[in-house]
Amino acid sequence: MRILLSFGLTGLVAAPALAADMEISIEIPKIDASEYHRPYVAVWLEKPDQSVAANLAVWYDVANAKKEGDKWLKDLRQWWRRTGRTLTVPADGLTSATRAPGSHVVKFDGTHAALKDLAPGEYQLIVEAAREVGGREVVRIPVQWPPAKGTALNAKGEHELGAVAVNVTP
C-alpha cells in the first residue's frame, strides 16, 4: 500500500493514497486463416454510464508510412464511438504496434497518467479487438478502483480474443 504524507495543522499526517497498480493480460489466439492479419486492439476503462474514464492501450498499424493504419481504427467500433474519433494518434504511452498471436501483458502503476486521477468507483475494463478479413469482439471485466485488496479477474473471448485477465493491487 502506498502512503501519502502531508503536513496538516497537527503536524505530519499519513493517509493511504488512492494509487494502485493494474496489470492486464490479453491473449490473441492463433487463427488458422488463409489471409491472417494481426488484430487492432483497444483497452479502456468505462464508467457506469458507459462514458470513457481512461484510455489504456491502442494497438494498431502505427508503422504504415502512408498512415493508412489510422483509417482502420474505426473498426474498433465501440472504442471509436466513445473516444477514438476525438483522439490524435499516435499518442505517447497509449498507442503501439499490433501484436502477434500469444499472451501480452501491459502494466500500469498508480502514477500512470491514465490512472492517477481516476476517481474511486466501479468501472468496466473493456478490451475490443477487430481484425481485417476477420471478426470483431469485445470483452468486459468489472473492476473496483482503487482496490481494497489485491484482486484477479478473468474473462474469455470466443474468436478474436482469448483469455483476458486483470490484476489490481493496492
Protein backbone atom coordinates (compact mmCIF):
# COMPACT_ATOMS: atom_id res chain seq x y z
CA MET A 1 0.00 0.00 0.00
CA ARG A 2 1.21 3.48 -0.79
CA ILE A 3 1.19 6.11 1.95
CA LEU A 4 0.64 9.75 1.20
CA LEU A 5 2.40 12.07 3.62
CA SER A 6 1.04 15.55 4.09
CA PHE A 7 1.59 18.30 6.60
CA GLY A 8 -1.65 19.19 8.39
CA LEU A 9 -2.47 21.54 11.23
CA THR A 10 -1.42 18.91 13.76
CA GLY A 11 1.85 18.01 12.03
CA LEU A 12 2.81 15.26 9.59
CA VAL A 13 -0.20 13.12 8.67
CA ALA A 14 -0.05 9.73 6.96
CA ALA A 15 -3.05 8.72 4.85
CA PRO A 16 -3.45 5.98 2.27
CA ALA A 17 -3.06 7.29 -1.26
CA LEU A 18 -5.59 6.29 -3.88
CA ALA A 19 -2.85 4.87 -6.09
CA ALA A 20 -2.87 1.22 -7.07
CA ASP A 21 -1.34 -0.96 -9.76
CA MET A 22 -3.09 -2.65 -12.67
CA GLU A 23 -1.76 -5.47 -14.83
CA ILE A 24 -3.74 -6.60 -17.86
CA SER A 25 -3.02 -9.80 -19.77
CA ILE A 26 -4.55 -10.19 -23.23
CA GLU A 27 -4.32 -13.37 -25.25
CA ILE A 28 -4.52 -13.08 -29.03
CA PRO A 29 -5.41 -16.53 -30.34
CA LYS A 30 -3.71 -18.10 -33.34
CA ILE A 31 -6.35 -18.23 -36.05
CA ASP A 32 -5.94 -20.58 -38.99
CA ALA A 33 -6.89 -18.39 -41.93
CA SER A 34 -5.54 -18.12 -45.45
CA GLU A 35 -5.26 -14.33 -45.07
CA TYR A 36 -4.34 -13.57 -41.46
CA HIS A 37 -3.98 -10.01 -40.20
CA ARG A 38 -3.00 -9.05 -36.66
CA PRO A 39 -5.95 -7.52 -34.83
CA TYR A 40 -6.28 -3.91 -33.79
CA VAL A 41 -6.95 -3.81 -30.04
CA ALA A 42 -8.25 -1.04 -27.78
CA VAL A 43 -8.26 -1.22 -23.97
CA TRP A 44 -10.08 1.30 -21.80
CA LEU A 45 -11.96 1.82 -18.54
CA GLU A 46 -15.62 2.72 -18.75
CA LYS A 47 -17.83 4.41 -16.16
CA PRO A 48 -21.29 3.00 -15.27
CA ASP A 49 -22.87 5.50 -17.73
CA GLN A 50 -20.66 3.94 -20.46
CA SER A 51 -18.52 7.06 -20.87
CA VAL A 52 -14.77 6.59 -21.06
CA ALA A 53 -12.90 7.06 -17.80
CA ALA A 54 -9.42 6.27 -19.18
CA ASN A 55 -7.82 5.02 -22.38
CA LEU A 56 -5.17 2.43 -21.51
CA ALA A 57 -3.84 1.00 -24.79
CA VAL A 58 -4.48 1.02 -28.54
CA TRP A 59 -2.58 -1.43 -30.74
CA TYR A 60 -2.75 -0.68 -34.45
CA ASP A 61 -0.64 -0.37 -37.61
CA VAL A 62 1.47 2.59 -36.48
CA ALA A 63 4.35 1.85 -38.87
CA ASN A 64 2.39 2.34 -42.09
CA ALA A 65 4.23 5.14 -43.93
CA LYS A 66 1.05 6.40 -45.59
CA LYS A 67 -0.80 6.45 -42.23
CA GLU A 68 -3.36 4.10 -43.76
CA GLY A 69 -3.46 2.19 -40.48
CA ASP A 70 -5.24 5.14 -38.87
CA LYS A 71 -8.31 4.78 -41.09
CA TRP A 72 -8.96 1.23 -39.83
CA LEU A 73 -9.16 2.36 -36.20
CA LYS A 74 -12.88 2.96 -36.71
CA ASP A 75 -13.30 -0.83 -36.98
CA LEU A 76 -12.85 -0.81 -33.19
CA ARG A 77 -16.44 0.42 -33.20
CA GLN A 78 -17.24 0.79 -29.52
CA TRP A 79 -13.92 2.44 -28.69
CA TRP A 80 -14.11 4.64 -31.80
CA ARG A 81 -17.61 5.93 -30.99
CA ARG A 82 -16.84 6.60 -27.34
CA THR A 83 -13.39 8.18 -27.59
CA GLY A 84 -11.29 7.17 -30.62
CA ARG A 85 -12.60 9.71 -33.09
CA THR A 86 -11.55 12.58 -30.80
CA LEU A 87 -8.08 11.18 -30.14
CA THR A 88 -4.98 12.28 -32.03
CA VAL A 89 -2.87 9.24 -32.89
CA PRO A 90 -0.19 8.20 -32.37
CA ALA A 91 -0.33 9.13 -28.69
CA ASP A 92 2.63 8.65 -26.34
CA GLY A 93 2.08 5.99 -23.71
CA LEU A 94 -1.16 4.85 -25.35
CA THR A 95 -0.65 3.66 -28.92
CA SER A 96 1.70 0.97 -30.15
CA ALA A 97 2.02 -1.65 -32.87
CA THR A 98 -0.30 -4.61 -33.32
CA ARG A 99 0.69 -7.81 -31.56
CA ALA A 100 1.23 -11.34 -32.85
CA PRO A 101 -0.74 -14.30 -31.50
CA GLY A 102 0.21 -15.08 -27.91
CA SER A 103 -0.21 -13.58 -24.46
CA HIS A 104 0.66 -9.91 -23.96
CA VAL A 105 0.87 -8.03 -20.66
CA VAL A 106 0.50 -4.30 -20.09
CA LYS A 107 1.24 -2.83 -16.67
CA PHE A 108 0.21 0.47 -15.14
CA ASP A 109 1.22 1.86 -11.78
CA GLY A 110 -0.99 4.30 -9.93
CA THR A 111 1.08 7.24 -11.11
CA HIS A 112 0.39 6.47 -14.78
CA ALA A 113 -1.43 9.37 -16.47
CA ALA A 114 -4.49 7.22 -17.22
CA LEU A 115 -4.96 6.11 -13.61
CA LYS A 116 -3.53 8.79 -11.33
CA ASP A 117 -6.68 10.95 -11.32
CA LEU A 118 -9.19 8.10 -11.66
CA ALA A 119 -12.00 8.67 -9.13
CA PRO A 120 -12.84 5.82 -6.75
CA GLY A 121 -15.71 3.68 -8.02
CA GLU A 122 -16.99 0.86 -10.17
CA TYR A 123 -15.67 0.56 -13.73
CA GLN A 124 -15.68 -1.88 -16.62
CA LEU A 125 -12.36 -2.82 -18.20
CA ILE A 126 -13.14 -3.12 -21.91
CA VAL A 127 -10.93 -4.93 -24.42
CA GLU A 128 -12.06 -4.70 -28.04
CA ALA A 129 -10.38 -6.42 -30.97
CA ALA A 130 -11.05 -6.13 -34.71
CA ARG A 131 -9.24 -7.90 -37.49
CA GLU A 132 -9.20 -7.20 -41.22
CA VAL A 133 -10.82 -10.10 -43.07
CA GLY A 134 -11.85 -11.33 -39.64
CA GLY A 135 -14.22 -10.52 -36.86
CA ARG A 136 -14.68 -8.12 -34.00
CA GLU A 137 -15.05 -8.94 -30.33
CA VAL A 138 -15.50 -7.12 -27.03
CA VAL A 139 -14.67 -8.49 -23.57
CA ARG A 140 -15.80 -6.72 -20.36
CA ILE A 141 -14.50 -7.19 -16.83
CA PRO A 142 -15.92 -5.27 -13.83
CA VAL A 143 -13.20 -3.50 -11.80
CA GLN A 144 -13.33 -1.66 -8.47
CA TRP A 145 -10.92 1.29 -8.28
CA PRO A 146 -8.91 1.64 -6.16
CA PRO A 147 -8.96 -1.94 -4.95
CA ALA A 148 -9.37 -2.54 -1.21
CA LYS A 149 -7.30 -5.71 -1.63
CA GLY A 150 -5.49 -7.49 -4.44
CA THR A 151 -7.97 -8.78 -6.98
CA ALA A 152 -7.59 -11.03 -10.03
CA LEU A 153 -10.44 -11.08 -12.54
CA ASN A 154 -10.75 -13.06 -15.76
CA ALA A 155 -12.89 -13.32 -18.89
CA LYS A 156 -12.52 -15.18 -22.16
CA GLY A 157 -13.27 -14.20 -25.70
CA GLU A 158 -14.66 -16.60 -28.27
CA HIS A 159 -12.98 -15.67 -31.57
CA GLU A 160 -10.68 -12.66 -31.82
CA LEU A 161 -9.64 -12.65 -28.15
CA GLY A 162 -8.59 -15.47 -25.86
CA ALA A 163 -8.17 -15.14 -22.12
CA VAL A 164 -8.23 -11.61 -20.71
CA ALA A 165 -7.14 -11.08 -17.11
CA VAL A 166 -6.76 -8.02 -14.92
CA ASN A 167 -4.90 -7.94 -11.62
CA VAL A 168 -5.28 -4.88 -9.43
CA THR A 169 -3.25 -4.38 -6.26
CA PRO A 170 -3.40 -1.59 -3.67
